[in-house]
PDB file of N, CA and C in Angstrom:
ATOM      1  N   MET A   1     -75.398  69.920-115.211  1.00  0.00           N
ATOM      2  CA  MET A   1     -75.288  70.367-113.841  1.00  0.00           C
ATOM      3  C   MET A   1     -74.501  71.682-113.818  1.00  0.00           C
ATOM      4  N   SER A   2     -75.006  72.621-113.113  1.00  0.00           N
ATOM      5  CA  SER A   2     -74.363  73.928-113.094  1.00  0.00           C
ATOM      6  C   SER A   2     -73.136  73.919-112.179  1.00  0.00           C
ATOM      7  N   THR A   3     -72.307  74.896-112.346  1.00  0.00           N
ATOM      8  CA  THR A   3     -71.092  75.014-111.555  1.00  0.00           C
ATOM      9  C   THR A   3     -71.420  75.216-110.086  1.00  0.00           C
ATOM     10  N   THR A   4     -72.434  75.961-109.795  1.00  0.00           N
ATOM     11  CA  THR A   4     -72.823  76.225-108.402  1.00  0.00           C
ATOM     12  C   THR A   4     -73.258  74.939-107.714  1.00  0.00           C
ATOM     13  N   SER A   5     -74.042  74.134-108.407  1.00  0.00           N
ATOM     14  CA  SER A   5     -74.501  72.883-107.802  1.00  0.00           C
ATOM     15  C   SER A   5     -73.343  71.912-107.591  1.00  0.00           C
ATOM     16  N   LYS A   6     -72.367  71.916-108.498  1.00  0.00           N
ATOM     17  CA  LYS A   6     -71.188  71.066-108.333  1.00  0.00           C
ATOM     18  C   LYS A   6     -70.380  71.497-107.103  1.00  0.00           C
ATOM     19  N   VAL A   7     -70.239  72.788-106.923  1.00  0.00           N
ATOM     20  CA  VAL A   7     -69.503  73.320-105.775  1.00  0.00           C
ATOM     21  C   VAL A   7     -70.229  72.966-104.482  1.00  0.00           C
ATOM     22  N   VAL A   8     -71.525  73.151-104.477  1.00  0.00           N
ATOM     23  CA  VAL A   8     -72.311  72.831-103.280  1.00  0.00           C
ATOM     24  C   VAL A   8     -72.218  71.343-102.978  1.00  0.00           C
ATOM     25  N   LEU A   9     -72.316  70.487-104.000  1.00  0.00           N
ATOM     26  CA  LEU A   9     -72.194  69.044-103.813  1.00  0.00           C
ATOM     27  C   LEU A   9     -70.802  68.686-103.273  1.00  0.00           C
ATOM     28  N   GLY A  10     -69.773  69.288-103.826  1.00  0.00           N
ATOM     29  CA  GLY A  10     -68.402  69.022-103.375  1.00  0.00           C
ATOM     30  C   GLY A  10     -68.196  69.439-101.927  1.00  0.00           C
ATOM     31  N   VAL A  11     -68.692  70.606-101.576  1.00  0.00           N
ATOM     32  CA  VAL A  11     -68.570  71.087-100.195  1.00  0.00           C
ATOM     33  C   VAL A  11     -69.343  70.179 -99.252  1.00  0.00           C
ATOM     34  N   SER A  12     -70.521  69.740 -99.667  1.00  0.00           N
ATOM     35  CA  SER A  12     -71.330  68.844 -98.835  1.00  0.00           C
ATOM     36  C   SER A  12     -70.625  67.514 -98.611  1.00  0.00           C
ATOM     37  N   VAL A  13     -70.025  66.963 -99.674  1.00  0.00           N
ATOM     38  CA  VAL A  13     -69.299  65.694 -99.561  1.00  0.00           C
ATOM     39  C   VAL A  13     -68.100  65.855 -98.628  1.00  0.00           C
ATOM     40  N   LEU A  14     -67.336  66.941 -98.800  1.00  0.00           N
ATOM     41  CA  LEU A  14     -66.176  67.178 -97.936  1.00  0.00           C
ATOM     42  C   LEU A  14     -66.607  67.376 -96.480  1.00  0.00           C
ATOM     43  N   PHE A  15     -67.671  68.118 -96.265  1.00  0.00           N
ATOM     44  CA  PHE A  15     -68.165  68.363 -94.915  1.00  0.00           C
ATOM     45  C   PHE A  15     -68.616  67.054 -94.263  1.00  0.00           C
ATOM     46  N   SER A  16     -69.366  66.241 -95.011  1.00  0.00           N
ATOM     47  CA  SER A  16     -69.831  64.951 -94.482  1.00  0.00           C
ATOM     48  C   SER A  16     -68.654  64.029 -94.179  1.00  0.00           C
ATOM     49  N   GLY A  17     -67.676  64.008 -95.066  1.00  0.00           N
ATOM     50  CA  GLY A  17     -66.477  63.197 -94.846  1.00  0.00           C
ATOM     51  C   GLY A  17     -65.718  63.658 -93.616  1.00  0.00           C
ATOM     52  N   GLY A  18     -65.652  64.969 -93.428  1.00  0.00           N
ATOM     53  CA  GLY A  18     -64.985  65.505 -92.240  1.00  0.00           C
ATOM     54  C   GLY A  18     -65.692  65.103 -90.964  1.00  0.00           C
ATOM     55  N   ILE A  19     -67.026  65.138 -91.000  1.00  0.00           N
ATOM     56  CA  ILE A  19     -67.789  64.736 -89.815  1.00  0.00           C
ATOM     57  C   ILE A  19     -67.563  63.266 -89.508  1.00  0.00           C
ATOM     58  N   VAL A  20     -67.606  62.408 -90.537  1.00  0.00           N
ATOM     59  CA  VAL A  20     -67.393  60.967 -90.332  1.00  0.00           C
ATOM     60  C   VAL A  20     -65.996  60.715 -89.773  1.00  0.00           C
ATOM     61  N   ALA A  21     -64.992  61.375 -90.348  1.00  0.00           N
ATOM     62  CA  ALA A  21     -63.618  61.205 -89.859  1.00  0.00           C
ATOM     63  C   ALA A  21     -63.499  61.692 -88.424  1.00  0.00           C
ATOM     64  N   GLY A  22     -64.133  62.820 -88.108  1.00  0.00           N
ATOM     65  CA  GLY A  22     -64.084  63.349 -86.739  1.00  0.00           C
ATOM     66  C   GLY A  22     -64.709  62.403 -85.738  1.00  0.00           C
ATOM     67  N   VAL A  23     -65.830  61.792 -86.106  1.00  0.00           N
ATOM     68  CA  VAL A  23     -66.492  60.848 -85.207  1.00  0.00           C
ATOM     69  C   VAL A  23     -65.610  59.626 -84.983  1.00  0.00           C
ATOM     70  N   HIS A  24     -64.989  59.129 -86.047  1.00  0.00           N
ATOM     71  CA  HIS A  24     -64.104  57.969 -85.898  1.00  0.00           C
ATOM     72  C   HIS A  24     -62.911  58.284 -85.001  1.00  0.00           C
ATOM     73  N   ILE A  25     -62.332  59.441 -85.173  1.00  0.00           N
ATOM     74  CA  ILE A  25     -61.200  59.854 -84.338  1.00  0.00           C
ATOM     75  C   ILE A  25     -61.633  59.980 -82.884  1.00  0.00           C
ATOM     76  N   GLN A  26     -62.811  60.573 -82.665  1.00  0.00           N
ATOM     77  CA  GLN A  26     -63.320  60.739 -81.314  1.00  0.00           C
ATOM     78  C   GLN A  26     -63.582  59.372 -80.660  1.00  0.00           C
ATOM     79  N   GLN A  27     -64.140  58.427 -81.400  1.00  0.00           N
ATOM     80  CA  GLN A  27     -64.390  57.089 -80.859  1.00  0.00           C
ATOM     81  C   GLN A  27     -63.082  56.377 -80.531  1.00  0.00           C
ATOM     82  N   LYS A  28     -62.083  56.551 -81.371  1.00  0.00           N
ATOM     83  CA  LYS A  28     -60.787  55.921 -81.122  1.00  0.00           C
ATOM     84  C   LYS A  28     -60.161  56.479 -79.842  1.00  0.00           C
ATOM     85  N   ARG A  29     -60.219  57.795 -79.664  1.00  0.00           N
ATOM     86  CA  ARG A  29     -59.674  58.415 -78.453  1.00  0.00           C
ATOM     87  C   ARG A  29     -60.422  57.941 -77.211  1.00  0.00           C
ATOM     88  N   LEU A  30     -61.743  57.827 -77.313  1.00  0.00           N
ATOM     89  CA  LEU A  30     -62.537  57.352 -76.182  1.00  0.00           C
ATOM     90  C   LEU A  30     -62.154  55.919 -75.824  1.00  0.00           C
ATOM     91  N   GLY A  31     -61.972  55.071 -76.831  1.00  0.00           N
ATOM     92  CA  GLY A  31     -61.546  53.696 -76.584  1.00  0.00           C
ATOM     93  C   GLY A  31     -60.187  53.642 -75.910  1.00  0.00           C
ATOM     94  N   GLU A  32     -59.272  54.489 -76.340  1.00  0.00           N
ATOM     95  CA  GLU A  32     -57.941  54.544 -75.724  1.00  0.00           C
ATOM     96  C   GLU A  32     -58.033  54.989 -74.269  1.00  0.00           C
ATOM     97  N   ARG A  33     -58.883  55.991 -74.006  1.00  0.00           N
ATOM     98  CA  ARG A  33     -59.046  56.466 -72.625  1.00  0.00           C
ATOM     99  C   ARG A  33     -59.629  55.374 -71.740  1.00  0.00           C
ATOM    100  N   LEU A  34     -60.608  54.644 -72.270  1.00  0.00           N
ATOM    101  CA  LEU A  34     -61.196  53.555 -71.491  1.00  0.00           C
ATOM    102  C   LEU A  34     -60.157  52.483 -71.196  1.00  0.00           C
ATOM    103  N   HIS A  35     -59.333  52.166 -72.184  1.00  0.00           N
ATOM    104  CA  HIS A  35     -58.285  51.158 -71.988  1.00  0.00           C
ATOM    105  C   HIS A  35     -57.262  51.635 -70.961  1.00  0.00           C
ATOM    106  N   GLU A  36     -56.902  52.904 -71.019  1.00  0.00           N
ATOM    107  CA  GLU A  36     -55.972  53.460 -70.033  1.00  0.00           C
ATOM    108  C   GLU A  36     -56.569  53.389 -68.631  1.00  0.00           C
ATOM    109  N   GLY A  37     -57.876  53.593 -68.526  1.00  0.00           N
ATOM    110  CA  GLY A  37     -58.545  53.478 -67.234  1.00  0.00           C
ATOM    111  C   GLY A  37     -58.445  52.072 -66.673  1.00  0.00           C
ATOM    112  N   VAL A  38     -58.597  51.080 -67.531  1.00  0.00           N
ATOM    113  CA  VAL A  38     -58.472  49.689 -67.094  1.00  0.00           C
ATOM    114  C   VAL A  38     -57.046  49.428 -66.620  1.00  0.00           C
ATOM    115  N   LEU A  39     -56.075  49.918 -67.368  1.00  0.00           N
ATOM    116  CA  LEU A  39     -54.672  49.709 -66.979  1.00  0.00           C
ATOM    117  C   LEU A  39     -54.364  50.395 -65.649  1.00  0.00           C
ATOM    118  N   ARG A  40     -54.911  51.608 -65.453  1.00  0.00           N
ATOM    119  CA  ARG A  40     -54.706  52.295 -64.169  1.00  0.00           C
ATOM    120  C   ARG A  40     -55.339  51.511 -63.026  1.00  0.00           C
ATOM    121  N   ASP A  41     -56.526  50.953 -63.264  1.00  0.00           N
ATOM    122  CA  ASP A  41     -57.180  50.160 -62.223  1.00  0.00           C
ATOM    123  C   ASP A  41     -56.361  48.918 -61.873  1.00  0.00           C
ATOM    124  N   LEU A  42     -55.810  48.257 -62.883  1.00  0.00           N
ATOM    125  CA  LEU A  42     -54.978  47.080 -62.626  1.00  0.00           C
ATOM    126  C   LEU A  42     -53.729  47.462 -61.835  1.00  0.00           C
ATOM    127  N   GLU A  43     -53.116  48.578 -62.204  1.00  0.00           N
ATOM    128  CA  GLU A  43     -51.927  49.047 -61.487  1.00  0.00           C
ATOM    129  C   GLU A  43     -52.279  49.394 -60.045  1.00  0.00           C
ATOM    130  N   ARG A  44     -53.440  50.041 -59.850  1.00  0.00           N
ATOM    131  CA  ARG A  44     -53.895  50.380 -58.502  1.00  0.00           C
ATOM    132  C   ARG A  44     -54.113  49.122 -57.661  1.00  0.00           C
ATOM    133  N   GLN A  45     -54.702  48.095 -58.272  1.00  0.00           N
ATOM    134  CA  GLN A  45     -54.923  46.835 -57.559  1.00  0.00           C
ATOM    135  C   GLN A  45     -53.598  46.181 -57.191  1.00  0.00           C
ATOM    136  N   ASN A  46     -52.636  46.218 -58.106  1.00  0.00           N
ATOM    137  CA  ASN A  46     -51.320  45.640 -57.821  1.00  0.00           C
ATOM    138  C   ASN A  46     -50.637  46.380 -56.674  1.00  0.00           C
ATOM    139  N   ARG A  47     -50.731  47.722 -56.690  1.00  0.00           N
ATOM    140  CA  ARG A  47     -50.135  48.498 -55.595  1.00  0.00           C
ATOM    141  C   ARG A  47     -50.817  48.181 -54.269  1.00  0.00           C
ATOM    142  N   LYS A  48     -52.126  48.020 -54.305  1.00  0.00           N
ATOM    143  CA  LYS A  48     -52.871  47.711 -53.086  1.00  0.00           C
ATOM    144  C   LYS A  48     -52.447  46.349 -52.539  1.00  0.00           C
ATOM    145  N   GLN A  49     -52.307  45.358 -53.401  1.00  0.00           N
ATOM    146  CA  GLN A  49     -51.860  44.042 -52.960  1.00  0.00           C
ATOM    147  C   GLN A  49     -50.447  44.106 -52.380  1.00  0.00           C
ATOM    148  N   GLU A  50     -49.593  44.868 -53.026  1.00  0.00           N
ATOM    149  CA  GLU A  50     -48.220  45.011 -52.531  1.00  0.00           C
ATOM    150  C   GLU A  50     -48.219  45.704 -51.175  1.00  0.00           C
ATOM    151  N   ASN A  51     -49.047  46.736 -51.020  1.00  0.00           N
ATOM    152  CA  ASN A  51     -49.129  47.432 -49.735  1.00  0.00           C
ATOM    153  C   ASN A  51     -49.652  46.506 -48.637  1.00  0.00           C
ATOM    154  N   LEU A  52     -50.636  45.678 -48.966  1.00  0.00           N
ATOM    155  CA  LEU A  52     -51.157  44.727 -47.983  1.00  0.00           C
ATOM    156  C   LEU A  52     -50.084  43.708 -47.590  1.00  0.00           C
ATOM    157  N   ARG A  53     -49.321  43.254 -48.586  1.00  0.00           N
ATOM    158  CA  ARG A  53     -48.246  42.305 -48.297  1.00  0.00           C
ATOM    159  C   ARG A  53     -47.207  42.944 -47.380  1.00  0.00           C
ATOM    160  N   LEU A  54     -46.839  44.199 -47.670  1.00  0.00           N
ATOM    161  CA  LEU A  54     -45.869  44.901 -46.832  1.00  0.00           C
ATOM    162  C   LEU A  54     -46.412  45.115 -45.420  1.00  0.00           C
ATOM    163  N   LEU A  55     -47.705  45.428 -45.320  1.00  0.00           N
ATOM    164  CA  LEU A  55     -48.314  45.615 -44.010  1.00  0.00           C
ATOM    165  C   LEU A  55     -48.284  44.322 -43.205  1.00  0.00           C
ATOM    166  N   GLU A  56     -48.625  43.197 -43.849  1.00  0.00           N
ATOM    167  CA  GLU A  56     -48.587  41.917 -43.155  1.00  0.00           C
ATOM    168  C   GLU A  56     -47.160  41.580 -42.709  1.00  0.00           C
ATOM    169  N   GLU A  57     -46.204  41.903 -43.559  1.00  0.00           N
ATOM    170  CA  GLU A  57     -44.800  41.672 -43.217  1.00  0.00           C
ATOM    171  C   GLU A  57     -44.402  42.521 -42.011  1.00  0.00           C
ATOM    172  N   GLN A  58     -44.834  43.779 -41.987  1.00  0.00           N
ATOM    173  CA  GLN A  58     -44.528  44.659 -40.858  1.00  0.00           C
ATOM    174  C   GLN A  58     -45.174  44.157 -39.574  1.00  0.00           C
ATOM    175  N   VAL A  59     -46.406  43.663 -39.678  1.00  0.00           N
ATOM    176  CA  VAL A  59     -47.088  43.132 -38.495  1.00  0.00           C
ATOM    177  C   VAL A  59     -46.328  41.935 -37.962  1.00  0.00           C
ATOM    178  N   ALA A  60     -45.898  41.049 -38.845  1.00  0.00           N
ATOM    179  CA  ALA A  60     -45.150  39.860 -38.419  1.00  0.00           C
ATOM    180  C   ALA A  60     -43.831  40.269 -37.771  1.00  0.00           C
ATOM    181  N   LEU A  61     -43.146  41.232 -38.368  1.00  0.00           N
ATOM    182  CA  LEU A  61     -41.872  41.681 -37.805  1.00  0.00           C
ATOM    183  C   LEU A  61     -42.085  42.353 -36.439  1.00  0.00           C
ATOM    184  N   THR A  62     -43.160  43.100 -36.301  1.00  0.00           N
ATOM    185  CA  THR A  62     -43.460  43.754 -35.030  1.00  0.00           C
ATOM    186  C   THR A  62     -43.724  42.712 -33.946  1.00  0.00           C
ATOM    187  N   LYS A  63     -44.497  41.680 -34.279  1.00  0.00           N
ATOM    188  CA  LYS A  63     -44.765  40.613 -33.312  1.00  0.00           C
ATOM    189  C   LYS A  63     -43.474  39.913 -32.906  1.00  0.00           C
ATOM    190  N   GLN A  64     -42.617  39.667 -33.893  1.00  0.00           N
ATOM    191  CA  GLN A  64     -41.341  39.014 -33.606  1.00  0.00           C
ATOM    192  C   GLN A  64     -40.493  39.893 -32.685  1.00  0.00           C
ATOM    193  N   LEU A  65     -40.441  41.178 -32.956  1.00  0.00           N
ATOM    194  CA  LEU A  65     -39.663  42.101 -32.134  1.00  0.00           C
ATOM    195  C   LEU A  65     -40.216  42.159 -30.709  1.00  0.00           C
ATOM    196  N   GLU A  66     -41.533  42.201 -30.586  1.00  0.00           N
ATOM    197  CA  GLU A  66     -42.140  42.227 -29.258  1.00  0.00           C
ATOM    198  C   GLU A  66     -41.831  40.951 -28.485  1.00  0.00           C
ATOM    199  N   MET A  67     -41.835  39.822 -29.169  1.00  0.00           N
ATOM    200  CA  MET A  67     -41.505  38.550 -28.501  1.00  0.00           C
ATOM    201  C   MET A  67     -40.050  38.560 -28.026  1.00  0.00           C
ATOM    202  N   GLU A  68     -39.151  39.047 -28.873  1.00  0.00           N
ATOM    203  CA  GLU A  68     -37.743  39.106 -28.495  1.00  0.00           C
ATOM    204  C   GLU A  68     -37.541  40.053 -27.310  1.00  0.00           C
ATOM    205  N   ARG A  69     -38.239  41.188 -27.308  1.00  0.00           N
ATOM    206  CA  ARG A  69     -38.130  42.133 -26.200  1.00  0.00           C
ATOM    207  C   ARG A  69     -38.641  41.518 -24.905  1.00  0.00           C
ATOM    208  N   SER A  70     -39.775  40.815 -25.000  1.00  0.00           N
ATOM    209  CA  SER A  70     -40.318  40.205 -23.785  1.00  0.00           C
ATOM    210  C   SER A  70     -39.388  39.105 -23.278  1.00  0.00           C
ATOM    211  N   LYS A  71     -38.738  38.361 -24.169  1.00  0.00           N
ATOM    212  CA  LYS A  71     -37.776  37.337 -23.753  1.00  0.00           C
ATOM    213  C   LYS A  71     -36.582  37.989 -23.061  1.00  0.00           C
ATOM    214  N   MET A  72     -36.137  39.131 -23.619  1.00  0.00           N
ATOM    215  CA  MET A  72     -35.003  39.828 -23.011  1.00  0.00           C
ATOM    216  C   MET A  72     -35.382  40.348 -21.627  1.00  0.00           C
ATOM    217  N   LEU A  73     -36.591  40.890 -21.500  1.00  0.00           N
ATOM    218  CA  LEU A  73     -37.043  41.403 -20.205  1.00  0.00           C
ATOM    219  C   LEU A  73     -37.158  40.262 -19.195  1.00  0.00           C
ATOM    220  N   ILE A  74     -37.683  39.122 -19.608  1.00  0.00           N
ATOM    221  CA  ILE A  74     -37.794  37.968 -18.704  1.00  0.00           C
ATOM    222  C   ILE A  74     -36.403  37.485 -18.294  1.00  0.00           C
ATOM    223  N   GLY A  75     -35.471  37.495 -19.258  1.00  0.00           N
ATOM    224  CA  GLY A  75     -34.100  37.089 -18.949  1.00  0.00           C
ATOM    225  C   GLY A  75     -33.444  38.045 -17.972  1.00  0.00           C
ATOM    226  N   LYS A  76     -33.661  39.350 -18.140  1.00  0.00           N
ATOM    227  CA  LYS A  76     -33.086  40.333 -17.225  1.00  0.00           C
ATOM    228  C   LYS A  76     -33.702  40.200 -15.829  1.00  0.00           C
ATOM    229  N   GLU A  77     -35.010  39.958 -15.761  1.00  0.00           N
ATOM    230  CA  GLU A  77     -35.677  39.813 -14.471  1.00  0.00           C
ATOM    231  C   GLU A  77     -35.192  38.560 -13.734  1.00  0.00           C
ATOM    232  N   SER A  78     -34.926  37.511 -14.501  1.00  0.00           N
ATOM    233  CA  SER A  78     -34.473  36.261 -13.860  1.00  0.00           C
ATOM    234  C   SER A  78     -33.033  36.402 -13.367  1.00  0.00           C
ATOM    235  N   GLN A  79     -32.225  37.263 -14.002  1.00  0.00           N
ATOM    236  CA  GLN A  79     -30.847  37.461 -13.580  1.00  0.00           C
ATOM    237  C   GLN A  79     -30.797  38.273 -12.293  1.00  0.00           C
ATOM    238  N   GLN A  80     -31.783  39.100 -12.058  1.00  0.00           N
ATOM    239  CA  GLN A  80     -31.769  39.975 -10.875  1.00  0.00           C
ATOM    240  C   GLN A  80     -32.273  39.195  -9.736  1.00  0.00           C
TER     241      GLN A  80
END
């Protein structure tokens, strides 16, 4: 085998190995990005549930405050 053919074979092997390694790295990064997307979605869902809980709490507190105000107004009207 001539020196030129050995060099060409070596370069071809290195180039092919580089391509395979690059594809594996790219697939790993894509998998990580997909996993991060799932984690972001879960966090978004948790925040949404927490916001809904806070909203329901605010609605309940508002109703309670309105009831107390109406009781106070009825009490003031009855005193007059």
